[in-house]
Structure formats: structure tokens, C-alpha cells
Amino acid sequence: MTAVASRPVTTTTAPVRTPGRTWHTVSPLLVAALAAGGAYAVHRLFVGTPLGQAIDTAALRGGDFDHPRVSEVLTRTLDATRLASLALVCVLAAAFGVVRRRLDLALAAVFVVVAANLITQQLKANLDRPLLDDFPAPNSWPSGHATAAASVAFVLVLVFPRALRGMVGVVGAAYVAIVAVATVWAEWHRPSDVIAALLIVLACGSLAVFGVRLGRPGPQSRIHLPNRLVIVALAVAGALATAAGVFGMASVALSERALPDLVSGRFAFLTGTAGIVAATAATFIVWVRLTAAEPADRPATPSGGTA
């Protein structure tokens, strides 16, 4: 008889992409589409209709008031939003991604800044603003300042470790909101200009996250407690600002169409400010949620350790 030695049979199976993992990978595309659609809707409402233009312009003109401390903060923030300083921050953010051995994050950061600012400048240069109110002014939609500030804040959130992204996000949201309000206060932009800029940056950021997830497939990670707390805080602030903005916009619309002088110019400016704060909170909630759910930097090996 011949003894036949049995050899263990090893089978290699390709990793199976579960529906949950697939959704985790492609969901940023849906966010990008919704953000782009939101920017289009903002343009149609506040640039393409007489009432929308009237509400937007009332907020712009209502910012013409002087409060020493407020003026100082807004002026300093605008002065800090220079192209050279923002470019330096972006270079440092990309370098930080390389130091962390995350070239994908560094490339994503460059993409967000370049794509968002290029799209904004192209739209501003090529879109016409029909004169539907009695305030002739060149097209200022969307805001370049708000785009620059938001894209820098987004890339800083992106390149930091996941556990810190919420804290960086809330600081970035505060900075972006101040820059956005300052541009309206300085009568450089209407509220719809900066809200559209935020949506454009979110759309570009979502595309960047999609690219990162394509290169690093994996299950959605648990969102750390500090990030969850930041999301809740932004949600509360956004809800309050949304309620104030909706009430204020209805009042301004009524003043523009039925009851002249129902509200003051300052009220209209504060209504625009509430809308900006609500939009800022919403975009940063989505951004922190997208980036904080990224798969861990060091995925588990088959033996159960870390690579």
C-alpha cells in the first residue's frame, strides 16, 4: 500500500465588498451632488428672482453700521484672509498629510483648495446678474473670500487625526462664519454669495473624500465621542440660526412686498447673518461626519494585529 500524504488545501478568497462598505465608499458622491444642487437652488432663488434679490440686497445694505469692537474683529479677520497666508496654510496642511504618511490626504487637500477656488472664480467671472432689484452691482456670486476660508478650514480638518477633526472643525466653522459675515458687513458680498461658496467647497470636499475612500476601502469607523459632541453642538447652533433666519427672511420679504419699513436694515443684516451661521453649521456637520467616519489609518491584519 502506498501512503498518500494529505496536503492542506488553502483557498484564497477575494475580499467581499459588502453593501455597507459600498455605501460608505460612494455616499460622498451623493453629498457632492446635493451640495452642487443646493448651490444651484441658491442662485436661482436669490439671483434669479426679484424677491430673492431684494432680500439679499437688504441684508447687504443693512450691514452699514458701526460698532467699534465688532468692526475691529471683522476687519482683522478680513485682513487675515489673504491669498498668501491661505496658500501657506494649505501647503502646511498638505505637508502634514505627507508627514503622517497619508499622501492620499495631502493630494485630497490640494484638490479641495484648487478645485473649489477655481470653480468659484470661473462662476463669478462668467455668470451674469440680472437687474431685478433697484441696486445695480456686478455679479459677486459666489464669494471668493468665503471659498478661500472654507477650503482652508476643510483641509485642516481632513489632514488632522480622526479623533481631533471635530475640534478643528468647530474652530474652522467659527473662523469661516466670521469671514463670511465680514464680507457682507463690508458690502463686498450678499449672504447668498457666501452660502453658495460653502456649498461649492462641500461639493469639492466630498469628491475628495470619495477619492480617499476608493484608495482605502474599509468599513465605516466609529465616530469618536469628541467628534460626536462637536456635531451635536453645531446642530444646536444651526437649528437656532435656521429658526431665526427663516423668521427674519419672512419678515424682510413682507417688508419688501407688503409692509414697507416693517423691519430695519440692521434687522435684514442680522437675518442674513443667521442664514450664514446656519449654512456654516450645516456644512461643517456634514464635513466632520464625512471625515471622522474614515477607516482607521492602520487597518487590521489577518492575524488580528495592526499593519
Protein backbone atom coordinates (compact mmCIF):
# COMPACT_ATOMS: atom_id res chain seq x y z
CA MET A 1 0.00 0.00 0.00
CA THR A 2 1.18 3.49 -0.64
CA ALA A 3 0.55 6.07 1.94
CA VAL A 4 -0.65 9.19 0.42
CA ALA A 5 0.22 12.24 2.42
CA SER A 6 -2.61 14.65 2.60
CA ARG A 7 -1.77 18.24 1.93
CA PRO A 8 -3.78 21.02 3.47
CA VAL A 9 -5.81 22.79 0.88
CA THR A 10 -5.61 26.56 1.12
CA THR A 11 -8.08 28.73 -0.64
CA THR A 12 -7.67 32.37 -1.34
CA THR A 13 -10.82 34.39 -1.42
CA ALA A 14 -11.04 37.89 -2.69
CA PRO A 15 -12.33 40.41 -0.21
CA VAL A 16 -16.07 40.78 -0.49
CA ARG A 17 -17.37 44.30 -0.68
CA THR A 18 -20.48 44.32 1.47
CA PRO A 19 -23.39 46.66 0.74
CA GLY A 20 -22.46 48.70 3.84
CA ARG A 21 -18.90 49.18 2.65
CA THR A 22 -20.08 50.08 -0.83
CA TRP A 23 -22.44 52.71 0.55
CA HIS A 24 -19.67 54.06 2.77
CA THR A 25 -17.47 54.47 -0.31
CA VAL A 26 -20.00 56.07 -2.66
CA SER A 27 -22.03 58.17 -0.18
CA PRO A 28 -19.71 61.20 -0.63
CA LEU A 29 -20.84 61.33 -4.26
CA LEU A 30 -24.42 61.83 -3.08
CA VAL A 31 -23.28 64.59 -0.72
CA ALA A 32 -21.39 66.27 -3.59
CA ALA A 33 -24.48 66.13 -5.82
CA LEU A 34 -26.75 67.54 -3.10
CA ALA A 35 -24.29 70.34 -2.33
CA ALA A 36 -23.98 71.27 -6.00
CA GLY A 37 -27.77 71.18 -6.34
CA GLY A 38 -28.08 73.38 -3.26
CA ALA A 39 -25.72 75.96 -4.76
CA TYR A 40 -27.79 75.98 -7.95
CA ALA A 41 -31.01 76.45 -5.93
CA VAL A 42 -29.46 79.36 -4.02
CA HIS A 43 -28.55 81.02 -7.30
CA ARG A 44 -31.99 80.52 -8.78
CA LEU A 45 -33.74 81.89 -5.69
CA PHE A 46 -31.53 84.81 -4.67
CA VAL A 47 -30.11 85.85 -8.04
CA GLY A 48 -32.82 84.74 -10.45
CA THR A 49 -35.93 86.16 -8.73
CA PRO A 50 -36.88 89.76 -7.86
CA LEU A 51 -37.89 88.95 -4.27
CA GLY A 52 -34.77 86.90 -3.69
CA GLN A 53 -32.57 89.73 -4.92
CA ALA A 54 -34.45 92.22 -2.76
CA ILE A 55 -33.97 90.14 0.41
CA ASP A 56 -30.32 89.53 -0.38
CA THR A 57 -29.61 93.19 -1.12
CA ALA A 58 -31.44 94.34 2.00
CA ALA A 59 -29.08 92.23 4.10
CA LEU A 60 -26.09 93.66 2.24
CA ARG A 61 -27.14 97.28 2.72
CA GLY A 62 -28.18 96.70 6.30
CA GLY A 63 -24.59 95.99 7.29
CA ASP A 64 -23.77 99.67 7.08
CA PHE A 65 -23.45 100.33 10.82
CA ASP A 66 -20.55 100.95 13.14
CA HIS A 67 -19.79 99.14 16.38
CA PRO A 68 -16.15 99.55 17.43
CA ARG A 69 -15.48 96.06 18.81
CA VAL A 70 -17.46 94.25 16.13
CA SER A 71 -15.82 96.33 13.40
CA GLU A 72 -12.37 95.56 14.79
CA VAL A 73 -12.97 91.80 14.83
CA LEU A 74 -14.43 91.76 11.33
CA THR A 75 -11.71 93.98 9.89
CA ARG A 76 -8.89 91.93 11.39
CA THR A 77 -10.45 88.71 10.16
CA LEU A 78 -10.76 90.04 6.63
CA ASP A 79 -7.18 91.33 6.74
CA ALA A 80 -6.00 87.86 7.79
CA THR A 81 -7.76 86.27 4.83
CA ARG A 82 -5.00 86.95 2.34
CA LEU A 83 -4.13 84.72 -0.58
CA ALA A 84 -0.51 84.31 0.55
CA SER A 85 -1.40 83.34 4.12
CA LEU A 86 -4.11 80.94 2.97
CA ALA A 87 -1.73 79.35 0.48
CA LEU A 88 0.83 78.89 3.25
CA VAL A 89 -1.74 77.15 5.44
CA CYS A 90 -2.66 74.83 2.58
CA VAL A 91 0.98 73.94 1.92
CA LEU A 92 1.49 73.19 5.61
CA ALA A 93 -1.67 71.07 5.67
CA ALA A 94 -0.50 69.05 2.67
CA ALA A 95 2.93 68.64 4.26
CA PHE A 96 1.31 67.44 7.46
CA GLY A 97 -0.52 64.78 5.46
CA VAL A 98 2.79 63.63 3.97
CA VAL A 99 4.44 63.54 7.42
CA ARG A 100 1.60 61.32 8.61
CA ARG A 101 2.35 59.04 5.64
CA ARG A 102 -1.02 59.84 4.18
CA LEU A 103 -0.20 61.01 0.68
CA ASP A 104 -3.86 60.49 -0.23
CA LEU A 105 -4.91 63.12 2.30
CA ALA A 106 -2.25 65.54 1.06
CA LEU A 107 -3.47 65.14 -2.53
CA ALA A 108 -7.09 65.46 -1.41
CA ALA A 109 -6.25 68.69 0.41
CA VAL A 110 -4.67 70.17 -2.72
CA PHE A 111 -7.67 69.10 -4.78
CA VAL A 112 -10.18 70.75 -2.42
CA VAL A 113 -8.37 74.09 -2.41
CA VAL A 114 -7.61 74.23 -6.13
CA ALA A 115 -10.96 72.90 -7.37
CA ALA A 116 -13.17 74.96 -5.05
CA ASN A 117 -11.38 78.25 -5.67
CA LEU A 118 -11.12 77.66 -9.42
CA ILE A 119 -14.84 76.87 -9.71
CA THR A 120 -15.73 79.95 -7.67
CA GLN A 121 -13.63 82.29 -9.77
CA GLN A 122 -14.96 80.83 -13.01
CA LEU A 123 -18.58 81.18 -11.89
CA LYS A 124 -18.03 84.74 -10.70
CA ALA A 125 -16.38 85.71 -13.98
CA ASN A 126 -18.90 84.07 -16.31
CA LEU A 127 -22.29 84.38 -14.61
CA ASP A 128 -24.49 87.40 -15.21
CA ARG A 129 -26.58 89.06 -12.54
CA PRO A 130 -29.89 90.30 -13.96
CA LEU A 131 -31.02 93.64 -12.54
CA LEU A 132 -34.25 92.61 -10.81
CA ASP A 133 -33.99 94.97 -7.85
CA ASP A 134 -33.03 98.63 -7.82
CA PHE A 135 -29.45 98.08 -6.75
CA PRO A 136 -27.14 97.85 -9.78
CA ALA A 137 -23.98 95.92 -8.97
CA PRO A 138 -21.72 93.48 -10.82
CA ASN A 139 -22.03 89.78 -10.22
CA SER A 140 -20.44 88.76 -6.93
CA TRP A 141 -21.79 85.19 -6.76
CA PRO A 142 -20.17 83.15 -5.23
CA SER A 143 -17.81 84.69 -2.66
CA GLY A 144 -14.09 84.18 -3.22
CA HIS A 145 -13.24 85.12 0.37
CA ALA A 146 -15.69 82.59 1.81
CA THR A 147 -14.46 79.92 -0.59
CA ALA A 148 -10.84 80.51 0.37
CA ALA A 149 -11.58 80.48 4.11
CA ALA A 150 -13.82 77.40 3.96
CA SER A 151 -11.41 75.41 1.76
CA VAL A 152 -8.55 76.07 4.19
CA ALA A 153 -10.68 75.06 7.17
CA PHE A 154 -11.80 71.90 5.34
CA VAL A 155 -8.28 70.74 4.54
CA LEU A 156 -7.15 71.29 8.12
CA VAL A 157 -9.98 69.07 9.32
CA LEU A 158 -9.06 66.49 6.69
CA VAL A 159 -5.35 66.12 7.49
CA PHE A 160 -5.63 66.02 11.28
CA PRO A 161 -6.06 62.65 13.06
CA ARG A 162 -9.66 61.46 13.17
CA ALA A 163 -10.07 61.99 16.91
CA LEU A 164 -9.23 65.70 16.54
CA ARG A 165 -11.22 66.52 13.44
CA GLY A 166 -14.29 67.67 15.34
CA MET A 167 -12.36 70.16 17.45
CA VAL A 168 -10.54 71.51 14.39
CA GLY A 169 -13.89 71.67 12.62
CA VAL A 170 -15.61 73.80 15.26
CA VAL A 171 -12.71 76.28 15.27
CA GLY A 172 -12.77 76.33 11.47
CA ALA A 173 -16.53 76.86 11.43
CA ALA A 174 -16.20 79.87 13.74
CA TYR A 175 -13.47 81.35 11.55
CA VAL A 176 -15.42 80.79 8.33
CA ALA A 177 -18.59 82.28 9.81
CA ILE A 178 -16.72 85.44 10.86
CA VAL A 179 -15.11 85.80 7.43
CA ALA A 180 -18.46 85.27 5.71
CA VAL A 181 -20.31 87.78 7.88
CA ALA A 182 -17.44 90.25 7.49
CA THR A 183 -17.75 90.20 3.70
CA VAL A 184 -21.44 91.14 3.99
CA TRP A 185 -20.69 93.79 6.62
CA ALA A 186 -18.05 95.30 4.33
CA GLU A 187 -20.64 95.27 1.48
CA TRP A 188 -18.45 93.03 -0.65
CA HIS A 189 -20.92 90.17 -0.84
CA ARG A 190 -24.52 89.27 -0.25
CA PRO A 191 -25.43 86.36 2.06
CA SER A 192 -26.28 84.11 -0.90
CA ASP A 193 -22.74 84.61 -2.25
CA VAL A 194 -21.15 83.12 0.85
CA ILE A 195 -23.74 80.37 1.31
CA ALA A 196 -23.11 79.23 -2.27
CA ALA A 197 -19.36 79.32 -1.62
CA LEU A 198 -19.78 76.99 1.36
CA LEU A 199 -21.78 74.54 -0.74
CA ILE A 200 -19.19 74.59 -3.52
CA VAL A 201 -16.41 73.79 -1.05
CA LEU A 202 -18.51 70.99 0.44
CA ALA A 203 -19.10 69.51 -3.02
CA CYS A 204 -15.37 69.56 -3.82
CA GLY A 205 -14.51 68.18 -0.40
CA SER A 206 -16.97 65.34 -0.81
CA LEU A 207 -15.40 64.38 -4.13
CA ALA A 208 -12.01 64.38 -2.43
CA VAL A 209 -13.30 62.07 0.33
CA PHE A 210 -14.71 59.75 -2.33
CA GLY A 211 -11.24 59.51 -3.88
CA VAL A 212 -9.68 58.79 -0.48
CA ARG A 213 -12.20 56.04 0.24
CA LEU A 214 -11.63 54.44 -3.16
CA GLY A 215 -7.97 54.06 -2.29
CA ARG A 216 -8.61 52.86 1.27
CA PRO A 217 -11.66 50.59 1.19
CA GLY A 218 -12.90 49.51 4.56
CA PRO A 219 -15.84 49.65 6.91
CA GLN A 220 -17.05 52.92 8.35
CA SER A 221 -15.20 53.72 11.55
CA ARG A 222 -16.85 54.61 14.82
CA ILE A 223 -17.00 58.35 15.34
CA HIS A 224 -15.11 59.36 18.47
CA LEU A 225 -17.02 60.97 21.32
CA PRO A 226 -15.40 64.45 20.94
CA ASN A 227 -16.44 64.49 17.28
CA ARG A 228 -19.99 63.48 18.20
CA LEU A 229 -20.17 66.27 20.78
CA VAL A 230 -18.99 68.79 18.19
CA ILE A 231 -21.63 67.59 15.74
CA VAL A 232 -24.32 67.99 18.41
CA ALA A 233 -23.09 71.50 19.32
CA LEU A 234 -23.06 72.56 15.67
CA ALA A 235 -26.51 71.06 15.19
CA VAL A 236 -27.92 73.09 18.09
CA ALA A 237 -26.33 76.31 16.84
CA GLY A 238 -27.50 75.57 13.30
CA ALA A 239 -31.07 74.86 14.40
CA LEU A 240 -31.31 78.12 16.35
CA ALA A 241 -29.79 80.09 13.47
CA THR A 242 -32.13 78.42 10.97
CA ALA A 243 -35.19 79.33 13.01
CA ALA A 244 -34.00 82.93 13.33
CA GLY A 245 -33.14 83.07 9.63
CA VAL A 246 -36.49 81.71 8.45
CA PHE A 247 -38.42 84.11 10.67
CA GLY A 248 -36.21 87.02 9.64
CA MET A 249 -36.41 86.24 5.93
CA ALA A 250 -40.21 86.07 6.08
CA SER A 251 -40.24 89.44 7.86
CA VAL A 252 -37.88 91.03 5.32
CA ALA A 253 -39.93 89.61 2.43
CA LEU A 254 -43.10 91.05 3.97
CA SER A 255 -41.37 94.39 4.41
CA GLU A 256 -40.19 94.39 0.79
CA ARG A 257 -43.53 93.47 -0.76
CA ALA A 258 -46.42 94.43 1.53
CA LEU A 259 -45.46 96.49 4.58
CA PRO A 260 -42.64 98.93 3.80
CA ASP A 261 -40.37 99.80 6.75
CA LEU A 262 -41.68 96.85 8.75
CA VAL A 263 -38.10 95.93 9.63
CA SER A 264 -34.89 97.93 9.70
CA GLY A 265 -31.78 97.47 7.60
CA ARG A 266 -29.93 96.14 10.63
CA PHE A 267 -32.65 93.51 11.08
CA ALA A 268 -32.13 92.43 7.47
CA PHE A 269 -28.37 92.22 8.04
CA LEU A 270 -28.88 90.10 11.17
CA THR A 271 -31.23 87.86 9.17
CA GLY A 272 -28.50 87.32 6.60
CA THR A 273 -26.04 86.64 9.42
CA ALA A 274 -28.37 83.97 10.83
CA GLY A 275 -28.59 82.33 7.41
CA ILE A 276 -24.80 82.34 7.09
CA VAL A 277 -24.36 80.79 10.55
CA ALA A 278 -26.94 78.11 9.75
CA ALA A 279 -25.26 77.26 6.44
CA THR A 280 -21.82 77.18 8.07
CA ALA A 281 -23.00 74.86 10.83
CA ALA A 282 -24.70 72.53 8.34
CA THR A 283 -21.71 72.25 6.00
CA PHE A 284 -19.27 71.60 8.85
CA ILE A 285 -21.58 68.98 10.39
CA VAL A 286 -21.52 67.11 7.08
CA TRP A 287 -17.77 67.60 6.67
CA VAL A 288 -16.85 66.41 10.17
CA ARG A 289 -19.23 63.47 9.73
CA LEU A 290 -17.62 62.51 6.41
CA THR A 291 -14.03 62.79 7.58
CA ALA A 292 -14.49 61.33 11.06
CA ALA A 293 -16.00 58.14 9.62
CA GLU A 294 -12.95 57.38 7.50
CA PRO A 295 -11.42 53.88 8.01
CA ALA A 296 -8.62 53.75 10.55
CA ASP A 297 -5.13 54.70 9.40
CA ARG A 298 -3.72 51.30 10.34
CA PRO A 299 -6.14 48.57 9.24
CA ALA A 300 -6.14 45.23 10.97
CA THR A 301 -4.02 42.41 9.53
CA PRO A 302 -5.40 38.87 9.02
CA SER A 303 -3.71 37.76 12.24
CA GLY A 304 -5.61 40.35 14.19
CA GLY A 305 -2.74 42.76 14.76
CA THR A 306 -2.14 46.08 13.12
CA ALA A 307 -0.25 46.66 9.91
